Amino acid sequence: MPSRFLRVLAGGLLLAAAAGGCGVSNGHTEIGLRGPSASPGGSPSLTPTPAPSVAGSAAPAPSTPAEVRRVFPVGARASYGHTHHDYPATDIFAACGSPVRAAVSGIVLEVSRVDRFDPAQPAGEDKGGLSVSIAGDDGVRYYGSHLSSIAAGIDAGVRVTAGTQLGTVGHTGNASNVCHLHFGLSPICLRTGDWWVRRGVIYPWKYLDSWQAGGNLSPVDEVGTWQHEHGCPTAPTPGTR
């Protein structure tokens, strides 16, 4: 009996374990150029590469979210807030001509090199002016618009790496003549054409706070939650501007 008691006691002690963790967000919205930057002379591969699978697909992702590196999308001094008109997104204000960078490695989905915005007929699909969207390796779509120029070689199907220059900050489209980068995060959904999703579905500011400080906070879970709750709308809701 004593030996049996000792074996039970020892087994119970082996079950004890503990773990913990925490994370914080930088609340500053006025920044300089910090964190990882593009490699000198770096350029995107011009070899088209299959884009990552839409969230929920059975196909494996190119890499796990923990392996995906993210950088702040403007390579110059910039400022941004925690609010945005009409829908969740962030306007990053910077001098015209400031570098716009790929925030993540992935495949370019859409590129608009022509400003078709007409104030007399402000169509939603044209409000971004010159723009680029990327299907990130993490399964999230990253979108930037109102650019003044798009870099050579940035075309649909091209693979880019985090920090690759996509173009320059401008005020094309419905930018009210103010130089800034409209930045949106969304599920990949229809991949192209779905501007009502592409423009942004969650607020990016807390992720921008992390990236500008050299962190790597992931929007994957929040974007996935939004898609689980809303699906992928195939058309804008009536009254969407």
Protein backbone atom coordinates (compact mmCIF):
# COMPACT_ATOMS: atom_id res chain seq x y z
CA MET A 1 0.00 0.00 0.00
CA PRO A 2 2.67 2.61 0.80
CA SER A 3 4.41 2.04 -2.55
CA ARG A 4 1.08 2.41 -4.45
CA PHE A 5 0.36 5.66 -2.62
CA LEU A 6 3.78 7.05 -3.57
CA ARG A 7 3.23 6.16 -7.25
CA VAL A 8 -0.14 8.00 -7.29
CA LEU A 9 1.36 11.04 -5.57
CA ALA A 10 4.25 11.22 -8.04
CA GLY A 11 1.89 10.94 -11.01
CA GLY A 12 -0.21 13.84 -9.70
CA LEU A 13 2.82 16.06 -9.30
CA LEU A 14 3.78 15.49 -12.95
CA LEU A 15 0.50 17.08 -14.12
CA ALA A 16 1.42 20.59 -12.84
CA ALA A 17 2.35 23.10 -15.64
CA ALA A 18 1.95 26.84 -16.39
CA ALA A 19 2.32 29.25 -19.34
CA GLY A 20 1.65 32.93 -20.06
CA GLY A 21 2.14 35.85 -22.49
CA CYS A 22 1.12 39.39 -23.24
CA GLY A 23 1.26 42.06 -25.92
CA VAL A 24 0.97 45.83 -26.05
CA SER A 25 0.19 48.35 -28.79
CA ASN A 26 2.00 51.63 -29.38
CA GLY A 27 -0.56 54.45 -29.43
CA HIS A 28 1.59 57.03 -31.24
CA THR A 29 0.26 58.24 -34.57
CA GLU A 30 3.08 60.62 -35.59
CA ILE A 31 5.99 58.63 -36.93
CA GLY A 32 9.28 58.79 -38.72
CA LEU A 33 10.78 56.06 -40.88
CA ARG A 34 11.31 53.18 -38.49
CA GLY A 35 11.38 49.41 -38.55
CA PRO A 36 12.36 47.20 -41.51
CA SER A 37 12.80 48.87 -44.90
CA ALA A 38 13.18 47.66 -48.45
CA SER A 39 16.51 46.12 -49.35
CA PRO A 40 18.78 48.47 -51.33
CA GLY A 41 18.15 47.98 -55.01
CA GLY A 42 15.43 45.44 -54.26
CA SER A 43 12.82 44.86 -56.94
CA PRO A 44 9.85 42.53 -57.30
CA SER A 45 10.14 39.31 -59.20
CA LEU A 46 8.58 39.64 -62.64
CA THR A 47 7.65 35.96 -62.71
CA PRO A 48 3.91 35.52 -62.11
CA THR A 49 3.29 33.27 -59.12
CA PRO A 50 0.01 31.63 -58.05
CA ALA A 51 -1.72 33.71 -55.40
CA PRO A 52 -2.39 32.27 -51.95
CA SER A 53 -5.64 30.45 -51.37
CA VAL A 54 -8.70 32.30 -50.11
CA ALA A 55 -9.27 31.88 -46.38
CA GLY A 56 -11.17 28.67 -45.70
CA SER A 57 -9.74 26.77 -48.66
CA ALA A 58 -8.38 23.29 -48.06
CA ALA A 59 -5.17 24.17 -49.91
CA PRO A 60 -2.19 24.93 -47.63
CA ALA A 61 -1.10 28.56 -47.28
CA PRO A 62 2.36 29.48 -48.65
CA SER A 63 3.52 30.17 -45.09
CA THR A 64 2.06 30.37 -41.64
CA PRO A 65 1.09 33.78 -40.19
CA ALA A 66 3.99 33.58 -37.73
CA GLU A 67 6.43 33.50 -40.67
CA VAL A 68 4.97 36.52 -42.49
CA ARG A 69 6.92 39.76 -42.02
CA ARG A 70 5.09 43.09 -42.19
CA VAL A 71 6.37 46.66 -42.57
CA PHE A 72 4.82 50.11 -42.32
CA PRO A 73 3.51 50.96 -45.82
CA VAL A 74 4.94 54.49 -46.10
CA GLY A 75 8.71 54.87 -46.14
CA ALA A 76 8.83 58.44 -44.80
CA ARG A 77 7.53 60.59 -41.96
CA ALA A 78 3.76 60.18 -41.78
CA SER A 79 0.75 60.57 -39.51
CA TYR A 80 -2.59 58.77 -39.22
CA GLY A 81 -5.61 58.55 -36.96
CA HIS A 82 -7.91 55.93 -35.47
CA THR A 83 -11.05 56.89 -37.39
CA HIS A 84 -12.17 56.98 -41.01
CA HIS A 85 -15.26 58.18 -42.83
CA ASP A 86 -18.01 55.75 -43.87
CA TYR A 87 -16.12 52.45 -43.38
CA PRO A 88 -13.06 51.01 -41.58
CA ALA A 89 -9.71 52.01 -43.12
CA THR A 90 -6.84 54.38 -42.36
CA ASP A 91 -5.64 57.49 -44.19
CA ILE A 92 -1.86 57.81 -43.79
CA PHE A 93 -0.82 61.41 -44.41
CA ALA A 94 2.64 62.00 -45.87
CA ALA A 95 4.34 64.33 -48.33
CA CYS A 96 3.50 63.76 -51.97
CA GLY A 97 6.17 61.59 -53.54
CA SER A 98 6.91 59.63 -50.35
CA PRO A 99 7.62 55.93 -51.04
CA VAL A 100 4.68 53.54 -50.74
CA ARG A 101 5.88 50.05 -49.81
CA ALA A 102 4.37 46.58 -49.83
CA ALA A 103 3.35 45.99 -46.22
CA VAL A 104 3.70 42.22 -46.68
CA SER A 105 5.07 39.68 -49.13
CA GLY A 106 2.50 38.34 -51.57
CA ILE A 107 1.02 38.47 -55.06
CA VAL A 108 -0.22 41.67 -56.70
CA LEU A 109 -3.95 41.25 -57.42
CA GLU A 110 -4.91 44.58 -58.99
CA VAL A 111 -3.11 47.66 -60.25
CA SER A 112 -4.78 50.90 -61.38
CA ARG A 113 -2.40 53.16 -63.31
CA VAL A 114 -5.07 55.55 -64.61
CA ASP A 115 -7.05 58.03 -62.53
CA ARG A 116 -10.64 57.65 -63.77
CA PHE A 117 -12.33 59.45 -60.89
CA ASP A 118 -14.96 61.97 -62.00
CA PRO A 119 -16.28 64.26 -59.22
CA ALA A 120 -19.47 64.75 -61.23
CA GLN A 121 -20.07 60.99 -61.26
CA PRO A 122 -18.15 59.63 -58.24
CA ALA A 123 -18.25 55.90 -58.94
CA GLY A 124 -17.07 53.80 -56.00
CA GLU A 125 -14.69 51.72 -58.11
CA ASP A 126 -12.85 54.88 -59.24
CA LYS A 127 -12.44 56.67 -55.92
CA GLY A 128 -9.03 55.17 -55.22
CA GLY A 129 -7.37 56.69 -58.27
CA LEU A 130 -3.99 55.02 -58.74
CA SER A 131 -3.91 51.96 -56.49
CA VAL A 132 -2.41 48.54 -55.76
CA SER A 133 -3.85 45.54 -53.94
CA ILE A 134 -1.83 42.55 -52.73
CA ALA A 135 -2.90 39.07 -51.67
CA GLY A 136 -0.60 38.67 -48.68
CA ASP A 137 1.06 35.37 -47.87
CA ASP A 138 -1.05 35.42 -44.70
CA GLY A 139 -4.32 35.30 -46.70
CA VAL A 140 -5.20 38.96 -46.07
CA ARG A 141 -5.63 41.54 -48.83
CA TYR A 142 -3.59 44.74 -48.40
CA TYR A 143 -4.77 47.78 -50.39
CA GLY A 144 -3.26 51.23 -50.95
CA SER A 145 -4.70 54.02 -53.07
CA HIS A 146 -4.46 57.72 -54.07
CA LEU A 147 -0.90 57.11 -55.30
CA SER A 148 0.77 59.64 -57.60
CA SER A 149 2.68 56.94 -59.47
CA ILE A 150 3.04 53.15 -59.68
CA ALA A 151 6.54 51.68 -59.84
CA ALA A 152 7.68 49.93 -63.02
CA GLY A 153 7.18 46.17 -62.89
CA ILE A 154 4.31 46.30 -60.39
CA ASP A 155 1.66 44.39 -62.29
CA ALA A 156 -1.07 41.86 -61.51
CA GLY A 157 0.41 38.41 -60.93
CA VAL A 158 3.83 39.69 -59.87
CA ARG A 159 5.25 38.55 -56.55
CA VAL A 160 6.55 41.27 -54.21
CA THR A 161 8.30 41.11 -50.87
CA ALA A 162 7.61 43.19 -47.77
CA GLY A 163 9.27 46.58 -48.25
CA THR A 164 9.24 46.56 -52.07
CA GLN A 165 8.37 50.03 -53.37
CA LEU A 166 4.98 49.98 -55.07
CA GLY A 167 4.78 53.66 -55.96
CA THR A 168 4.56 57.09 -54.35
CA VAL A 169 2.08 58.95 -52.16
CA GLY A 170 -0.26 61.26 -54.04
CA HIS A 171 -3.81 62.61 -54.17
CA THR A 172 -5.39 60.87 -57.16
CA GLY A 173 -9.00 59.76 -57.04
CA ASN A 174 -11.29 61.11 -54.36
CA ALA A 175 -8.46 62.38 -52.14
CA SER A 176 -9.74 65.97 -51.71
CA ASN A 177 -6.40 67.18 -53.10
CA VAL A 178 -4.64 66.06 -49.90
CA CYS A 179 -1.55 63.86 -50.19
CA HIS A 180 -2.13 60.62 -48.33
CA LEU A 181 -2.22 56.85 -48.68
CA HIS A 182 -5.57 55.19 -48.15
CA PHE A 183 -4.77 51.85 -46.52
CA GLY A 184 -7.29 49.01 -46.22
CA LEU A 185 -7.28 45.42 -44.94
CA SER A 186 -9.81 42.83 -46.10
CA PRO A 187 -10.33 39.16 -46.97
CA ILE A 188 -9.23 38.28 -50.51
CA CYS A 189 -12.83 37.30 -51.43
CA LEU A 190 -13.44 37.88 -55.17
CA ARG A 191 -9.77 38.76 -55.67
CA THR A 192 -10.51 41.52 -58.20
CA GLY A 193 -13.29 44.01 -58.80
CA ASP A 194 -14.91 43.89 -55.34
CA TRP A 195 -13.98 47.46 -54.38
CA TRP A 196 -16.64 47.55 -51.63
CA VAL A 197 -14.62 44.90 -49.74
CA ARG A 198 -11.14 45.75 -51.03
CA ARG A 199 -11.23 49.31 -49.66
CA GLY A 200 -11.20 47.96 -46.07
CA VAL A 201 -13.35 46.09 -43.55
CA ILE A 202 -11.40 46.47 -40.27
CA TYR A 203 -9.52 49.40 -38.73
CA PRO A 204 -5.78 49.04 -39.46
CA TRP A 205 -4.41 51.57 -36.95
CA LYS A 206 -3.38 49.11 -34.23
CA TYR A 207 -1.48 47.04 -36.79
CA LEU A 208 0.16 50.18 -38.18
CA ASP A 209 1.16 51.10 -34.62
CA SER A 210 2.92 47.75 -34.31
CA TRP A 211 4.63 47.80 -37.71
CA GLN A 212 5.98 51.33 -37.35
CA ALA A 213 7.55 50.29 -34.05
CA GLY A 214 9.23 47.27 -35.66
CA GLY A 215 6.57 44.80 -34.48
CA ASN A 216 4.64 42.27 -36.52
CA LEU A 217 1.07 42.29 -35.19
CA SER A 218 -1.08 40.12 -37.49
CA PRO A 219 -4.52 41.16 -38.83
CA VAL A 220 -5.31 37.55 -39.83
CA ASP A 221 -7.64 36.73 -36.94
CA GLU A 222 -9.64 39.96 -37.12
CA VAL A 223 -10.06 39.76 -40.90
CA GLY A 224 -11.03 36.09 -40.57
CA THR A 225 -13.64 36.94 -37.95
CA TRP A 226 -15.13 39.62 -40.21
CA GLN A 227 -15.35 37.17 -43.12
CA HIS A 228 -16.93 34.52 -40.90
CA GLU A 229 -19.62 37.03 -39.88
CA HIS A 230 -20.19 38.72 -43.26
CA GLY A 231 -19.04 36.26 -45.89
CA CYS A 232 -17.88 37.82 -49.16
CA PRO A 233 -20.53 40.28 -50.41
CA THR A 234 -20.77 40.01 -54.19
CA ALA A 235 -22.12 43.56 -54.59
CA PRO A 236 -22.10 46.76 -52.55
CA THR A 237 -25.04 47.26 -50.24
CA PRO A 238 -27.56 49.85 -51.49
CA GLY A 239 -26.42 53.37 -50.63
CA THR A 240 -22.74 52.42 -50.38
CA ARG A 241 -20.58 55.37 -51.38
